[in-house]
PDB file of N, CA and C in Angstrom:
ATOM      1  N   MET A   1     108.541  34.419 177.924  1.00  0.00           N
ATOM      2  CA  MET A   1     109.627  35.380 177.720  1.00  0.00           C
ATOM      3  C   MET A   1     110.119  35.867 179.091  1.00  0.00           C
ATOM      4  N   PRO A   2     111.416  35.746 179.376  1.00  0.00           N
ATOM      5  CA  PRO A   2     111.955  36.158 180.669  1.00  0.00           C
ATOM      6  C   PRO A   2     111.879  37.676 180.850  1.00  0.00           C
ATOM      7  N   LYS A   3     111.657  38.083 182.082  1.00  0.00           N
ATOM      8  CA  LYS A   3     111.615  39.516 182.399  1.00  0.00           C
ATOM      9  C   LYS A   3     113.028  40.020 182.661  1.00  0.00           C
ATOM     10  N   THR A   4     113.227  41.294 182.356  1.00  0.00           N
ATOM     11  CA  THR A   4     114.528  41.893 182.649  1.00  0.00           C
ATOM     12  C   THR A   4     114.606  42.201 184.137  1.00  0.00           C
ATOM     13  N   ASN A   5     115.814  42.417 184.614  1.00  0.00           N
ATOM     14  CA  ASN A   5     116.034  42.764 186.013  1.00  0.00           C
ATOM     15  C   ASN A   5     115.253  44.029 186.379  1.00  0.00           C
ATOM     16  N   ALA A   6     115.235  45.005 185.497  1.00  0.00           N
ATOM     17  CA  ALA A   6     114.522  46.261 185.755  1.00  0.00           C
ATOM     18  C   ALA A   6     113.022  46.010 185.874  1.00  0.00           C
ATOM     19  N   GLU A   7     112.481  45.154 185.025  1.00  0.00           N
ATOM     20  CA  GLU A   7     111.051  44.844 185.087  1.00  0.00           C
ATOM     21  C   GLU A   7     110.689  44.166 186.406  1.00  0.00           C
ATOM     22  N   ILE A   8     111.556  43.287 186.862  1.00  0.00           N
ATOM     23  CA  ILE A   8     111.327  42.600 188.130  1.00  0.00           C
ATOM     24  C   ILE A   8     111.355  43.594 189.284  1.00  0.00           C
ATOM     25  N   LYS A   9     112.358  44.487 189.293  1.00  0.00           N
ATOM     26  CA  LYS A   9     112.467  45.496 190.345  1.00  0.00           C
ATOM     27  C   LYS A   9     111.266  46.446 190.329  1.00  0.00           C
ATOM     28  N   ASN A  10     110.842  46.862 189.142  1.00  0.00           N
ATOM     29  CA  ASN A  10     109.704  47.768 189.028  1.00  0.00           C
ATOM     30  C   ASN A  10     108.418  47.109 189.514  1.00  0.00           C
ATOM     31  N   ALA A  11     108.236  45.844 189.196  1.00  0.00           N
ATOM     32  CA  ALA A  11     107.042  45.121 189.641  1.00  0.00           C
ATOM     33  C   ALA A  11     107.036  45.019 191.169  1.00  0.00           C
ATOM     34  N   TYR A  12     108.184  44.721 191.764  1.00  0.00           N
ATOM     35  CA  TYR A  12     108.280  44.646 193.224  1.00  0.00           C
ATOM     36  C   TYR A  12     107.990  46.006 193.856  1.00  0.00           C
ATOM     37  N   ALA A  13     108.589  47.061 193.312  1.00  0.00           N
ATOM     38  CA  ALA A  13     108.396  48.402 193.864  1.00  0.00           C
ATOM     39  C   ALA A  13     106.927  48.813 193.800  1.00  0.00           C
ATOM     40  N   LYS A  14     106.274  48.483 192.712  1.00  0.00           N
ATOM     41  CA  LYS A  14     104.864  48.830 192.554  1.00  0.00           C
ATOM     42  C   LYS A  14     104.013  48.114 193.602  1.00  0.00           C
ATOM     43  N   LYS A  15     104.387  46.892 193.917  1.00  0.00           N
ATOM     44  CA  LYS A  15     103.646  46.089 194.890  1.00  0.00           C
ATOM     45  C   LYS A  15     103.960  46.499 196.335  1.00  0.00           C
ATOM     46  N   ALA A  16     105.186  46.889 196.604  1.00  0.00           N
ATOM     47  CA  ALA A  16     105.642  47.094 197.981  1.00  0.00           C
ATOM     48  C   ALA A  16     105.617  48.548 198.464  1.00  0.00           C
ATOM     49  N   TYR A  17     105.548  49.513 197.559  1.00  0.00           N
ATOM     50  CA  TYR A  17     105.679  50.915 197.954  1.00  0.00           C
ATOM     51  C   TYR A  17     104.552  51.771 197.401  1.00  0.00           C
ATOM     52  N   ASP A  18     104.221  52.833 198.129  1.00  0.00           N
ATOM     53  CA  ASP A  18     103.327  53.877 197.643  1.00  0.00           C
ATOM     54  C   ASP A  18     104.186  55.013 197.121  1.00  0.00           C
ATOM     55  N   ASP A  19     103.700  55.702 196.109  1.00  0.00           N
ATOM     56  CA  ASP A  19     104.408  56.854 195.563  1.00  0.00           C
ATOM     57  C   ASP A  19     103.768  58.135 196.076  1.00  0.00           C
ATOM     58  N   ILE A  20     104.626  59.110 196.386  1.00  0.00           N
ATOM     59  CA  ILE A  20     104.178  60.454 196.740  1.00  0.00           C
ATOM     60  C   ILE A  20     104.949  61.412 195.850  1.00  0.00           C
ATOM     61  N   ARG A  21     104.237  62.243 195.139  1.00  0.00           N
ATOM     62  CA  ARG A  21     104.899  63.209 194.270  1.00  0.00           C
ATOM     63  C   ARG A  21     105.148  64.491 195.057  1.00  0.00           C
ATOM     64  N   LEU A  22     106.352  65.001 194.951  1.00  0.00           N
ATOM     65  CA  LEU A  22     106.744  66.217 195.646  1.00  0.00           C
ATOM     66  C   LEU A  22     107.319  67.181 194.617  1.00  0.00           C
ATOM     67  N   GLN A  23     106.790  68.387 194.591  1.00  0.00           N
ATOM     68  CA  GLN A  23     107.306  69.389 193.667  1.00  0.00           C
ATOM     69  C   GLN A  23     107.972  70.516 194.450  1.00  0.00           C
ATOM     70  N   VAL A  24     109.135  70.931 193.971  1.00  0.00           N
ATOM     71  CA  VAL A  24     109.859  72.062 194.548  1.00  0.00           C
ATOM     72  C   VAL A  24     110.251  72.994 193.414  1.00  0.00           C
ATOM     73  N   LYS A  25     110.554  74.221 193.743  1.00  0.00           N
ATOM     74  CA  LYS A  25     110.966  75.184 192.719  1.00  0.00           C
ATOM     75  C   LYS A  25     112.245  74.730 192.038  1.00  0.00           C
ATOM     76  N   LYS A  26     112.422  75.129 190.796  1.00  0.00           N
ATOM     77  CA  LYS A  26     113.618  74.783 190.033  1.00  0.00           C
ATOM     78  C   LYS A  26     114.863  75.123 190.826  1.00  0.00           C
ATOM     79  N   GLY A  27     115.797  74.199 190.865  1.00  0.00           N
ATOM     80  CA  GLY A  27     117.058  74.397 191.557  1.00  0.00           C
ATOM     81  C   GLY A  27     117.049  73.904 192.999  1.00  0.00           C
ATOM     82  N   GLN A  28     115.871  73.809 193.616  1.00  0.00           N
ATOM     83  CA  GLN A  28     115.790  73.374 195.007  1.00  0.00           C
ATOM     84  C   GLN A  28     116.116  71.893 195.171  1.00  0.00           C
ATOM     85  N   LYS A  29     115.733  71.082 194.207  1.00  0.00           N
ATOM     86  CA  LYS A  29     115.991  69.645 194.304  1.00  0.00           C
ATOM     87  C   LYS A  29     117.486  69.376 194.469  1.00  0.00           C
ATOM     88  N   GLU A  30     118.289  70.032 193.669  1.00  0.00           N
ATOM     89  CA  GLU A  30     119.734  69.802 193.739  1.00  0.00           C
ATOM     90  C   GLU A  30     120.314  70.309 195.053  1.00  0.00           C
ATOM     91  N   LYS A  31     119.802  71.422 195.569  1.00  0.00           N
ATOM     92  CA  LYS A  31     120.259  71.930 196.871  1.00  0.00           C
ATOM     93  C   LYS A  31     119.926  70.935 197.981  1.00  0.00           C
ATOM     94  N   ILE A  32     118.712  70.384 197.933  1.00  0.00           N
ATOM     95  CA  ILE A  32     118.292  69.413 198.952  1.00  0.00           C
ATOM     96  C   ILE A  32     119.111  68.137 198.830  1.00  0.00           C
ATOM     97  N   ARG A  33     119.311  67.671 197.588  1.00  0.00           N
ATOM     98  CA  ARG A  33     120.104  66.463 197.349  1.00  0.00           C
ATOM     99  C   ARG A  33     121.540  66.648 197.860  1.00  0.00           C
ATOM    100  N   SER A  34     122.139  67.793 197.589  1.00  0.00           N
ATOM    101  CA  SER A  34     123.505  68.066 198.041  1.00  0.00           C
ATOM    102  C   SER A  34     123.592  68.069 199.557  1.00  0.00           C
ATOM    103  N   TYR A  35     122.599  68.677 200.201  1.00  0.00           N
ATOM    104  CA  TYR A  35     122.603  68.690 201.665  1.00  0.00           C
ATOM    105  C   TYR A  35     122.470  67.268 202.209  1.00  0.00           C
ATOM    106  N   ALA A  36     121.545  66.506 201.651  1.00  0.00           N
ATOM    107  CA  ALA A  36     121.350  65.121 202.095  1.00  0.00           C
ATOM    108  C   ALA A  36     122.647  64.330 201.958  1.00  0.00           C
ATOM    109  N   GLN A  37     123.335  64.488 200.842  1.00  0.00           N
ATOM    110  CA  GLN A  37     124.600  63.787 200.635  1.00  0.00           C
ATOM    111  C   GLN A  37     125.655  64.245 201.635  1.00  0.00           C
ATOM    112  N   SER A  38     125.628  65.515 201.990  1.00  0.00           N
ATOM    113  CA  SER A  38     126.627  66.034 202.938  1.00  0.00           C
ATOM    114  C   SER A  38     126.461  65.434 204.328  1.00  0.00           C
ATOM    115  N   ILE A  39     125.264  64.938 204.635  1.00  0.00           N
ATOM    116  CA  ILE A  39     125.043  64.283 205.932  1.00  0.00           C
ATOM    117  C   ILE A  39     124.942  62.763 205.770  1.00  0.00           C
ATOM    118  N   GLY A  40     125.373  62.285 204.611  1.00  0.00           N
ATOM    119  CA  GLY A  40     125.470  60.845 204.382  1.00  0.00           C
ATOM    120  C   GLY A  40     124.158  60.149 204.065  1.00  0.00           C
ATOM    121  N   MET A  41     123.225  60.878 203.486  1.00  0.00           N
ATOM    122  CA  MET A  41     121.922  60.289 203.168  1.00  0.00           C
ATOM    123  C   MET A  41     121.587  60.499 201.708  1.00  0.00           C
ATOM    124  N   SER A  42     120.693  59.641 201.200  1.00  0.00           N
ATOM    125  CA  SER A  42     120.141  59.851 199.864  1.00  0.00           C
ATOM    126  C   SER A  42     119.022  60.891 199.974  1.00  0.00           C
ATOM    127  N   LEU A  43     118.611  61.430 198.860  1.00  0.00           N
ATOM    128  CA  LEU A  43     117.511  62.390 198.849  1.00  0.00           C
ATOM    129  C   LEU A  43     116.248  61.749 199.418  1.00  0.00           C
ATOM    130  N   GLN A  44     115.915  60.567 198.951  1.00  0.00           N
ATOM    131  CA  GLN A  44     114.725  59.874 199.423  1.00  0.00           C
ATOM    132  C   GLN A  44     114.827  59.538 200.910  1.00  0.00           C
ATOM    133  N   GLY A  45     115.977  59.062 201.341  1.00  0.00           N
ATOM    134  CA  GLY A  45     116.171  58.749 202.746  1.00  0.00           C
ATOM    135  C   GLY A  45     116.023  59.978 203.632  1.00  0.00           C
ATOM    136  N   TYR A  46     116.555  61.094 203.165  1.00  0.00           N
ATOM    137  CA  TYR A  46     116.462  62.353 203.914  1.00  0.00           C
ATOM    138  C   TYR A  46     115.008  62.803 204.055  1.00  0.00           C
ATOM    139  N   ILE A  47     114.269  62.772 202.958  1.00  0.00           N
ATOM    140  CA  ILE A  47     112.859  63.170 202.998  1.00  0.00           C
ATOM    141  C   ILE A  47     112.068  62.239 203.914  1.00  0.00           C
ATOM    142  N   ASN A  48     112.302  60.933 203.805  1.00  0.00           N
ATOM    143  CA  ASN A  48     111.609  59.979 204.672  1.00  0.00           C
ATOM    144  C   ASN A  48     111.937  60.233 206.144  1.00  0.00           C
ATOM    145  N   LYS A  49     113.205  60.550 206.438  1.00  0.00           N
ATOM    146  CA  LYS A  49     113.609  60.825 207.821  1.00  0.00           C
ATOM    147  C   LYS A  49     112.924  62.087 208.344  1.00  0.00           C
ATOM    148  N   LEU A  50     112.856  63.123 207.536  1.00  0.00           N
ATOM    149  CA  LEU A  50     112.186  64.355 207.953  1.00  0.00           C
ATOM    150  C   LEU A  50     110.725  64.093 208.288  1.00  0.00           C
ATOM    151  N   ILE A  51     110.056  63.319 207.455  1.00  0.00           N
ATOM    152  CA  ILE A  51     108.648  62.997 207.698  1.00  0.00           C
ATOM    153  C   ILE A  51     108.499  62.197 208.985  1.00  0.00           C
ATOM    154  N   ALA A  52     109.316  61.167 209.145  1.00  0.00           N
ATOM    155  CA  ALA A  52     109.232  60.324 210.344  1.00  0.00           C
ATOM    156  C   ALA A  52     109.534  61.135 211.601  1.00  0.00           C
ATOM    157  N   ASP A  53     110.552  61.993 211.548  1.00  0.00           N
ATOM    158  CA  ASP A  53     110.901  62.832 212.703  1.00  0.00           C
ATOM    159  C   ASP A  53     109.749  63.771 213.051  1.00  0.00           C
ATOM    160  N   ASP A  54     109.143  64.366 212.042  1.00  0.00           N
ATOM    161  CA  ASP A  54     108.045  65.300 212.269  1.00  0.00           C
ATOM    162  C   ASP A  54     106.835  64.593 212.864  1.00  0.00           C
ATOM    163  N   MET A  55     106.614  63.358 212.447  1.00  0.00           N
ATOM    164  CA  MET A  55     105.472  62.584 212.942  1.00  0.00           C
ATOM    165  C   MET A  55     105.798  61.863 214.245  1.00  0.00           C
ATOM    166  N   GLY A  56     107.050  61.957 214.707  1.00  0.00           N
ATOM    167  CA  GLY A  56     107.448  61.318 215.940  1.00  0.00           C
ATOM    168  C   GLY A  56     107.502  59.805 215.832  1.00  0.00           C
ATOM    169  N   GLU A  57     107.875  59.307 214.680  1.00  0.00           N
ATOM    170  CA  GLU A  57     107.933  57.868 214.453  1.00  0.00           C
ATOM    171  C   GLU A  57     109.327  57.445 214.040  1.00  0.00           C
ATOM    172  N   GLU A  58     109.666  56.234 214.387  1.00  0.00           N
ATOM    173  CA  GLU A  58     110.916  55.640 213.908  1.00  0.00           C
ATOM    174  C   GLU A  58     110.661  55.039 212.538  1.00  0.00           C
ATOM    175  N   LEU A  59     111.580  55.238 211.628  1.00  0.00           N
ATOM    176  CA  LEU A  59     111.465  54.583 210.321  1.00  0.00           C
ATOM    177  C   LEU A  59     111.912  53.139 210.471  1.00  0.00           C
ATOM    178  N   THR A  60     111.125  52.255 209.984  1.00  0.00           N
ATOM    179  CA  THR A  60     111.525  50.851 209.982  1.00  0.00           C
ATOM    180  C   THR A  60     111.818  50.460 208.557  1.00  0.00           C
ATOM    181  N   ARG A  61     112.891  49.775 208.396  1.00  0.00           N
ATOM    182  CA  ARG A  61     113.288  49.374 207.042  1.00  0.00           C
ATOM    183  C   ARG A  61     113.204  47.866 206.956  1.00  0.00           C
ATOM    184  N   GLU A  62     112.278  47.402 206.151  1.00  0.00           N
ATOM    185  CA  GLU A  62     112.125  45.969 205.944  1.00  0.00           C
ATOM    186  C   GLU A  62     112.925  45.565 204.731  1.00  0.00           C
ATOM    187  N   LYS A  63     113.567  44.410 204.853  1.00  0.00           N
ATOM    188  CA  LYS A  63     114.344  43.920 203.724  1.00  0.00           C
ATOM    189  C   LYS A  63     113.760  42.650 203.213  1.00  0.00           C
TER     190      LYS A  63
END
C-alpha cells in the first residue's frame, strides 16, 4: 500500500529532527509569531535563531 505524502514527510521528520516542546502563556504564541513574521521569519526559524545566537553558533541548514 503506497504511503501518502504526509506520511513520507512525517517519517523523514521523525528520523531527521529532534522535538523540543515549548510552552508559553495563552496569547504569547501569537504575539511571538506576529513579531517573527514582521522580521520575515517563521516562528520556528525565529526560535531557532534566538537559540543559536544565544549559544554563539551559526545555524546550518542542510537540505
